[in-house]
Amino acid sequence: MPRFMLLLSLACLTGAVSACVKTEGHPVAMTQVQSNFSLSGKVTFPDSRFKTRATVNALTASTTVSLLYPPQDENHPNVTVATGLSNASGEYVLLPDASFTPTVNAVFVLEALKRLGGVGERVMTLRTFVRWTGTAWESITTPDLDINVKTTALTLISEYENLSPDSTLATIQTGTGNSVLADIGTISAAHIQQVADRVTQAVQENRDPIGSLRFLAGQYALDRKVDIGQMIQTQACVACNLQGVDLSGVSLEGMNLSQADLTGQDLSAVDLSGTNLNQANLSYANLSGLNLTTTSLTGANLSDAFLEQCDLSGNDLSGSNLNYAYLSGANLNNAVTDGTTVWSDADLSGATWTTGQVCASGSYGTCN
């Protein structure tokens, strides 16, 4: 029997000398293994919007779980120590080889990986850090040792920002049944939650959080590579960089493209009915002649955008930036604006203003 057994099953916390092994997908009690060498926890994937391929049950069941040396380990970088499969509830057991003896206070990576579809299809990955203290295992979550979007967020922050793996351990309280976040040094709980939300977003769009999230200009965003087929199937590409992506013939109707970067895109022949473009970057984009009455544009960057003859009547433009936008002949009747809507030097010649007034030729920034 291997000396260091990694057990991950909330159902197996049965006593001081009890542990579990997986039999036909279900853990069963075993008394031969010392409890101080066991881990107990669970894999929890968020639900996916793409129900036909990645429901939460499909992600949780038969997930490959691996214990790995971290990439910075001098002798065994990224080497797998043990691998196992989760059962239908996300519970799993890892049995390292008997020769494995973890160094006291050494930090390892515990990874849950799920492949979607057949060979060559996408994978989903969640992670946490674990450390052998000499008497027990500890992880990012406490008292439970779980793998979820928040633990994954902290592994990403550790990789991209100034946060050591050791400092993440025992920082997420799970005793109440919820993952309660707290500040870790200069990393705020709000920032950790924002990154966790990005991890959830990636899974919901059938993207691997570990492989697709990047830290750019102080923000976490999905990789620049965009799978149009996947975008159509999931009807979403939140915070995606769509600069230069060929969208000809693609229907964006009803799609969630909030915070996406569409700088310079020619969308004049694209149906944007019901499309969520809140906080999207549409600077220099061509939307001329489009009916945008049902398009969400709150907080969007429309600076230098081409909006001639557009129908924006009734649209909520609160917080939108329309600096130098070309709005000649556009219909802005009953559009919602506030003090955060910026119109500096916007060309409003011949446009119908929010009050129904037709702006005179040469109206820039103000409807004359």
Protein backbone atom coordinates (compact mmCIF):
# COMPACT_ATOMS: atom_id res chain seq x y z
CA MET A 1 0.00 0.00 0.00
CA PRO A 2 1.53 3.38 -0.95
CA ARG A 3 2.54 5.42 2.08
CA PHE A 4 1.29 8.79 0.84
CA MET A 5 -2.28 8.38 -0.30
CA LEU A 6 -4.07 11.38 -1.80
CA LEU A 7 -7.75 11.02 -1.12
CA LEU A 8 -10.27 13.51 -2.47
CA SER A 9 -13.77 12.69 -1.32
CA LEU A 10 -15.86 14.58 1.19
CA ALA A 11 -17.74 11.33 1.72
CA CYS A 12 -14.61 9.65 3.09
CA LEU A 13 -13.98 11.67 6.24
CA THR A 14 -14.79 8.65 8.38
CA GLY A 15 -12.38 8.82 11.30
CA ALA A 16 -8.85 9.07 12.59
CA VAL A 17 -7.49 6.07 10.72
CA SER A 18 -9.89 5.88 7.78
CA ALA A 19 -9.25 6.70 4.16
CA CYS A 20 -10.83 5.72 0.85
CA VAL A 21 -10.11 4.16 -2.46
CA LYS A 22 -12.26 4.36 -5.60
CA THR A 23 -14.12 1.21 -6.58
CA GLU A 24 -16.23 1.39 -9.75
CA GLY A 25 -16.41 5.16 -9.43
CA HIS A 26 -17.37 5.20 -5.72
CA PRO A 27 -15.07 5.62 -2.71
CA VAL A 28 -15.15 2.92 -0.05
CA ALA A 29 -13.69 2.96 3.45
CA MET A 30 -10.28 1.47 4.19
CA THR A 31 -8.61 1.39 7.59
CA GLN A 32 -5.07 0.42 6.63
CA VAL A 33 -4.02 3.94 5.63
CA GLN A 34 -3.06 6.59 8.20
CA SER A 35 -5.37 9.63 7.95
CA ASN A 36 -2.48 12.07 8.32
CA PHE A 37 -1.33 11.10 4.80
CA SER A 38 -4.70 11.71 3.12
CA LEU A 39 -6.32 14.61 1.27
CA SER A 40 -10.08 15.11 1.17
CA GLY A 41 -11.85 17.37 -1.29
CA LYS A 42 -13.85 17.67 -4.48
CA VAL A 43 -13.71 19.03 -8.03
CA THR A 44 -16.34 21.67 -8.78
CA PHE A 45 -16.70 23.00 -12.31
CA PRO A 46 -19.13 25.86 -12.96
CA ASP A 47 -22.08 25.11 -15.22
CA SER A 48 -21.55 25.69 -18.92
CA ARG A 49 -23.91 27.60 -21.18
CA PHE A 50 -23.17 25.18 -23.99
CA LYS A 51 -25.44 22.50 -22.58
CA THR A 52 -24.95 19.99 -25.39
CA ARG A 53 -21.26 19.63 -24.70
CA ALA A 54 -20.33 20.65 -21.21
CA THR A 55 -22.98 20.38 -18.53
CA VAL A 56 -21.75 20.63 -14.96
CA ASN A 57 -22.36 16.89 -14.43
CA ALA A 58 -20.42 16.00 -17.55
CA LEU A 59 -17.51 18.16 -16.40
CA THR A 60 -17.47 16.79 -12.86
CA ALA A 61 -17.73 13.07 -13.66
CA SER A 62 -14.71 11.11 -14.91
CA THR A 63 -12.41 14.09 -14.59
CA THR A 64 -8.69 13.30 -14.72
CA VAL A 65 -7.08 14.46 -11.49
CA SER A 66 -3.30 14.71 -11.24
CA LEU A 67 -0.75 15.65 -8.61
CA LEU A 68 2.21 17.40 -10.23
CA TYR A 69 5.47 18.96 -9.22
CA PRO A 70 5.32 22.71 -9.93
CA PRO A 71 7.05 24.04 -13.08
CA GLN A 72 9.71 25.79 -10.99
CA ASP A 73 10.82 22.57 -9.27
CA GLU A 74 14.53 22.14 -10.00
CA ASN A 75 14.53 18.35 -10.23
CA HIS A 76 11.03 17.39 -11.44
CA PRO A 77 9.40 20.35 -13.23
CA ASN A 78 5.79 19.48 -14.23
CA VAL A 79 6.35 15.79 -13.51
CA THR A 80 3.16 13.90 -12.66
CA VAL A 81 3.23 12.07 -9.31
CA ALA A 82 -0.16 10.36 -9.51
CA THR A 83 -3.30 10.38 -11.63
CA GLY A 84 -6.86 9.18 -11.09
CA LEU A 85 -10.46 9.69 -12.20
CA SER A 86 -13.29 11.34 -10.30
CA ASN A 87 -16.61 9.64 -9.76
CA ALA A 88 -20.02 11.12 -10.67
CA SER A 89 -19.90 13.43 -7.65
CA GLY A 90 -16.46 14.81 -8.43
CA GLU A 91 -14.80 12.75 -5.68
CA TYR A 92 -11.52 11.05 -6.48
CA VAL A 93 -8.56 9.21 -5.03
CA LEU A 94 -4.90 9.44 -6.01
CA LEU A 95 -2.44 6.74 -5.03
CA PRO A 96 1.16 7.87 -5.57
CA ASP A 97 3.86 5.26 -5.99
CA ALA A 98 5.26 3.91 -2.73
CA SER A 99 8.60 5.55 -3.54
CA PHE A 100 7.03 9.01 -3.40
CA THR A 101 7.95 10.95 -0.26
CA PRO A 102 6.98 14.61 -0.34
CA THR A 103 9.43 17.07 1.12
CA VAL A 104 8.06 18.87 4.15
CA ASN A 105 6.55 22.24 3.13
CA ALA A 106 6.93 21.45 -0.57
CA VAL A 107 4.12 22.90 -2.70
CA PHE A 108 2.53 20.79 -5.45
CA VAL A 109 -0.06 21.48 -8.13
CA LEU A 110 -3.32 19.54 -7.97
CA GLU A 111 -5.02 19.64 -11.36
CA ALA A 112 -8.45 18.56 -12.59
CA LEU A 113 -8.70 18.14 -16.36
CA LYS A 114 -11.75 17.24 -18.41
CA ARG A 115 -11.73 16.62 -22.17
CA LEU A 116 -14.86 17.55 -24.12
CA GLY A 117 -15.81 15.47 -27.14
CA GLY A 118 -13.41 13.20 -28.99
CA VAL A 119 -9.71 13.25 -29.76
CA GLY A 120 -8.45 16.75 -30.47
CA GLU A 121 -11.43 18.41 -28.80
CA ARG A 122 -11.12 21.03 -26.08
CA VAL A 123 -10.11 20.46 -22.47
CA MET A 124 -11.13 22.24 -19.28
CA THR A 125 -8.61 22.63 -16.47
CA LEU A 126 -8.99 23.72 -12.85
CA ARG A 127 -6.15 23.83 -10.32
CA THR A 128 -5.16 24.37 -6.74
CA PHE A 129 -1.95 24.30 -4.71
CA VAL A 130 -1.32 21.70 -1.97
CA ARG A 131 1.51 21.46 0.56
CA TRP A 132 2.70 18.62 2.78
CA THR A 133 3.30 20.05 6.26
CA GLY A 134 4.97 16.94 7.63
CA THR A 135 1.80 15.74 9.35
CA ALA A 136 -0.99 16.65 6.93
CA TRP A 137 -1.84 18.12 3.56
CA GLU A 138 -3.14 21.67 3.26
CA SER A 139 -4.41 23.58 0.25
CA ILE A 140 -5.78 26.95 -0.79
CA THR A 141 -9.16 26.07 0.72
CA THR A 142 -9.62 25.29 4.39
CA PRO A 143 -10.75 23.16 6.13
CA ASP A 144 -11.83 21.36 2.94
CA LEU A 145 -9.29 20.65 0.21
CA ASP A 146 -11.20 21.57 -2.94
CA ILE A 147 -10.50 22.44 -6.57
CA ASN A 148 -12.77 25.16 -7.97
CA VAL A 149 -12.81 28.43 -9.90
CA LYS A 150 -11.49 30.43 -6.95
CA THR A 151 -8.52 28.16 -6.33
CA THR A 152 -7.83 28.27 -10.07
CA ALA A 153 -7.97 32.07 -9.95
CA LEU A 154 -5.30 32.11 -7.25
CA THR A 155 -3.01 29.79 -9.22
CA LEU A 156 -3.31 32.20 -12.17
CA ILE A 157 -2.64 35.24 -9.97
CA SER A 158 0.39 33.42 -8.55
CA GLU A 159 1.69 32.84 -12.07
CA TYR A 160 1.14 36.33 -13.45
CA GLU A 161 1.40 38.58 -10.41
CA ASN A 162 3.63 38.94 -7.35
CA LEU A 163 1.99 36.24 -5.23
CA SER A 164 3.84 33.17 -4.00
CA PRO A 165 2.04 29.80 -3.94
CA ASP A 166 2.76 29.50 -0.19
CA SER A 167 0.90 32.73 0.53
CA THR A 168 -2.28 31.37 -1.11
CA LEU A 169 -2.58 28.37 1.21
CA ALA A 170 -5.44 28.25 3.72
CA THR A 171 -6.82 31.55 2.45
CA ILE A 172 -10.29 30.50 1.27
CA GLN A 173 -12.67 29.50 4.03
CA THR A 174 -15.09 26.73 3.03
CA GLY A 175 -16.38 25.67 6.44
CA THR A 176 -19.72 27.39 5.96
CA GLY A 177 -20.31 25.70 2.61
CA ASN A 178 -19.28 28.79 0.66
CA SER A 179 -15.85 29.81 -0.57
CA VAL A 180 -15.27 32.97 1.45
CA LEU A 181 -12.50 35.15 0.04
CA ALA A 182 -10.12 37.43 1.92
CA ASP A 183 -7.35 39.82 0.95
CA ILE A 184 -3.91 38.24 0.49
CA GLY A 185 -1.29 40.94 0.99
CA THR A 186 -1.80 43.51 -1.76
CA ILE A 187 -4.15 41.18 -3.67
CA SER A 188 -7.69 42.13 -2.71
CA ALA A 189 -10.59 39.72 -2.31
CA ALA A 190 -12.42 41.72 -5.00
CA HIS A 191 -9.55 41.16 -7.44
CA ILE A 192 -9.52 37.42 -6.70
CA GLN A 193 -13.27 37.30 -7.33
CA GLN A 194 -12.84 39.16 -10.63
CA VAL A 195 -10.31 36.58 -11.80
CA ALA A 196 -12.59 33.76 -10.59
CA ASP A 197 -15.37 35.29 -12.67
CA ARG A 198 -13.06 35.19 -15.69
CA VAL A 199 -12.36 31.49 -14.99
CA THR A 200 -16.11 30.85 -14.87
CA GLN A 201 -16.57 32.82 -18.08
CA ALA A 202 -13.94 30.72 -19.84
CA VAL A 203 -15.61 27.46 -18.81
CA GLN A 204 -19.04 28.75 -19.80
CA GLU A 205 -17.66 29.50 -23.25
CA ASN A 206 -16.02 26.06 -23.43
CA ARG A 207 -12.52 27.47 -23.11
CA ASP A 208 -9.74 26.11 -20.94
CA PRO A 209 -9.15 28.72 -18.19
CA ILE A 210 -5.50 27.78 -17.79
CA GLY A 211 -4.80 27.86 -21.51
CA SER A 212 -6.94 30.79 -22.60
CA LEU A 213 -6.68 33.44 -19.87
CA ARG A 214 -3.88 35.98 -20.19
CA PHE A 215 -2.77 38.85 -17.98
CA LEU A 216 -2.44 41.92 -20.19
CA ALA A 217 -2.18 45.57 -19.13
CA GLY A 218 -3.27 44.70 -15.60
CA GLN A 219 -6.36 42.80 -16.73
CA TYR A 220 -7.23 39.14 -17.24
CA ALA A 221 -8.78 38.48 -20.64
CA LEU A 222 -9.35 35.57 -22.97
CA ASP A 223 -6.65 34.76 -25.47
CA ARG A 224 -6.63 36.65 -28.78
CA LYS A 225 -7.26 33.42 -30.67
CA VAL A 226 -10.97 33.21 -31.44
CA ASP A 227 -12.80 30.09 -32.59
CA ILE A 228 -15.69 31.50 -34.65
CA GLY A 229 -17.52 28.17 -34.67
CA GLN A 230 -17.34 27.99 -30.90
CA MET A 231 -18.40 31.63 -30.60
CA ILE A 232 -21.50 30.90 -32.67
CA GLN A 233 -22.35 27.78 -30.69
CA THR A 234 -21.95 29.43 -27.28
CA GLN A 235 -23.45 32.74 -28.49
CA ALA A 236 -20.81 34.56 -26.49
CA CYS A 237 -17.28 35.89 -26.62
CA VAL A 238 -16.99 38.13 -23.59
CA ALA A 239 -13.83 40.27 -23.45
CA CYS A 240 -12.53 38.60 -26.62
CA ASN A 241 -10.13 40.41 -28.93
CA LEU A 242 -11.89 40.42 -32.31
CA GLN A 243 -9.59 42.88 -34.01
CA GLY A 244 -8.87 41.69 -37.53
CA VAL A 245 -11.06 38.58 -37.13
CA ASP A 246 -13.07 37.87 -40.30
CA LEU A 247 -16.71 38.26 -39.29
CA SER A 248 -18.11 38.33 -42.82
CA GLY A 249 -21.23 36.19 -43.03
CA VAL A 250 -21.32 35.73 -39.25
CA SER A 251 -24.58 36.56 -37.50
CA LEU A 252 -23.93 38.34 -34.22
CA GLU A 253 -27.65 38.68 -33.48
CA GLY A 254 -28.35 38.24 -29.77
CA MET A 255 -24.71 37.39 -28.99
CA ASN A 256 -22.97 38.45 -25.78
CA LEU A 257 -19.89 40.43 -26.88
CA SER A 258 -19.67 42.64 -23.81
CA GLN A 259 -16.16 44.04 -23.27
CA ALA A 260 -15.02 42.59 -26.61
CA ASP A 261 -12.47 44.49 -28.68
CA LEU A 262 -13.93 45.21 -32.13
CA THR A 263 -11.64 48.11 -32.97
CA GLY A 264 -11.76 48.96 -36.67
CA GLN A 265 -14.20 46.20 -37.58
CA ASP A 266 -16.55 46.74 -40.53
CA LEU A 267 -19.92 45.70 -39.10
CA SER A 268 -22.06 47.64 -41.56
CA ALA A 269 -23.49 44.42 -43.04
CA VAL A 270 -23.81 42.53 -39.75
CA ASP A 271 -27.07 42.00 -37.87
CA LEU A 272 -26.54 43.35 -34.35
CA SER A 273 -30.16 43.00 -33.20
CA GLY A 274 -30.18 42.18 -29.49
CA THR A 275 -26.37 41.99 -29.38
CA ASN A 276 -24.77 42.82 -26.03
CA LEU A 277 -21.95 45.29 -26.73
CA ASN A 278 -21.86 46.85 -23.28
CA GLN A 279 -18.36 48.19 -22.54
CA ALA A 280 -17.14 46.89 -25.89
CA ASN A 281 -14.39 48.73 -27.77
CA LEU A 282 -15.88 49.83 -31.09
CA SER A 283 -13.50 52.68 -31.81
CA TYR A 284 -13.05 53.25 -35.57
CA ALA A 285 -15.61 50.50 -36.25
CA ASN A 286 -18.05 50.93 -39.14
CA LEU A 287 -21.69 50.56 -38.07
CA SER A 288 -23.15 52.86 -40.71
CA GLY A 289 -26.83 52.38 -41.56
CA LEU A 290 -27.50 49.74 -38.90
CA ASN A 291 -30.61 49.45 -36.77
CA LEU A 292 -29.15 49.54 -33.27
CA THR A 293 -32.39 50.10 -31.35
CA THR A 294 -32.09 46.74 -29.54
CA THR A 295 -28.28 46.65 -29.38
CA SER A 296 -26.84 47.14 -25.88
CA LEU A 297 -24.17 49.85 -25.97
CA THR A 298 -23.97 51.05 -22.36
CA GLY A 299 -20.41 52.08 -21.55
CA ALA A 300 -19.19 51.24 -25.07
CA ASN A 301 -16.21 52.99 -26.62
CA LEU A 302 -17.55 54.41 -29.89
CA SER A 303 -14.89 57.06 -30.36
CA ASP A 304 -14.17 57.75 -34.05
CA ALA A 305 -16.79 55.13 -34.96
CA PHE A 306 -18.78 55.46 -38.19
CA LEU A 307 -22.47 55.67 -37.22
CA GLU A 308 -23.94 57.61 -40.14
CA GLN A 309 -27.65 56.95 -40.72
CA CYS A 310 -27.76 54.57 -37.73
CA ASP A 311 -30.99 54.13 -35.79
CA LEU A 312 -30.08 54.57 -32.12
CA SER A 313 -33.52 55.73 -31.04
CA GLY A 314 -34.32 54.71 -27.48
CA ASN A 315 -30.87 53.19 -26.96
CA ASP A 316 -29.18 53.49 -23.56
CA LEU A 317 -25.88 55.26 -24.23
CA SER A 318 -25.04 55.94 -20.58
CA GLY A 319 -21.30 55.95 -20.04
CA SER A 320 -20.57 55.61 -23.76
CA ASN A 321 -17.68 57.44 -25.37
CA LEU A 322 -18.66 59.01 -28.72
CA ASN A 323 -15.71 61.38 -29.08
CA TYR A 324 -15.20 62.23 -32.77
CA ALA A 325 -17.88 59.70 -33.78
CA TYR A 326 -19.53 60.24 -37.16
CA LEU A 327 -23.27 60.46 -36.48
CA SER A 328 -24.50 62.49 -39.43
CA GLY A 329 -28.08 61.54 -40.26
CA ALA A 330 -28.31 59.19 -37.26
CA ASN A 331 -31.53 58.86 -35.26
CA LEU A 332 -30.92 59.51 -31.54
CA ASN A 333 -34.52 60.31 -30.64
CA ASN A 334 -35.30 59.29 -27.04
CA ALA A 335 -31.81 57.81 -26.61
CA VAL A 336 -30.79 57.68 -22.95
CA THR A 337 -27.73 59.75 -22.07
CA ASP A 338 -26.29 61.05 -18.83
CA GLY A 339 -23.35 63.02 -17.53
CA THR A 340 -21.02 60.13 -18.33
CA THR A 341 -21.90 60.06 -22.03
CA VAL A 342 -19.14 61.85 -23.95
CA TRP A 343 -19.90 63.61 -27.25
CA SER A 344 -16.81 65.82 -27.71
CA ASP A 345 -16.43 66.77 -31.39
CA ALA A 346 -18.92 64.10 -32.50
CA ASP A 347 -20.31 65.00 -35.96
CA LEU A 348 -24.06 65.42 -35.42
CA SER A 349 -24.83 67.10 -38.73
CA GLY A 350 -28.39 66.19 -39.78
CA ALA A 351 -28.80 63.82 -36.85
CA THR A 352 -32.08 63.64 -34.94
CA TRP A 353 -31.21 64.56 -31.36
CA THR A 354 -32.59 62.88 -28.22
CA THR A 355 -35.29 65.55 -28.02
CA GLY A 356 -36.39 65.04 -31.61
CA GLN A 357 -34.58 68.16 -32.83
CA VAL A 358 -32.76 67.81 -36.15
CA CYS A 359 -29.21 69.05 -35.72
CA ALA A 360 -27.95 71.68 -38.11
CA SER A 361 -25.06 71.05 -40.48
CA GLY A 362 -21.78 71.68 -38.75
CA SER A 363 -23.00 70.51 -35.32
CA TYR A 364 -19.99 69.07 -33.53
CA GLY A 365 -20.27 67.86 -29.95
CA THR A 366 -23.56 69.75 -29.53
CA CYS A 367 -26.80 69.65 -31.49
CA ASN A 368 -27.36 73.12 -32.88
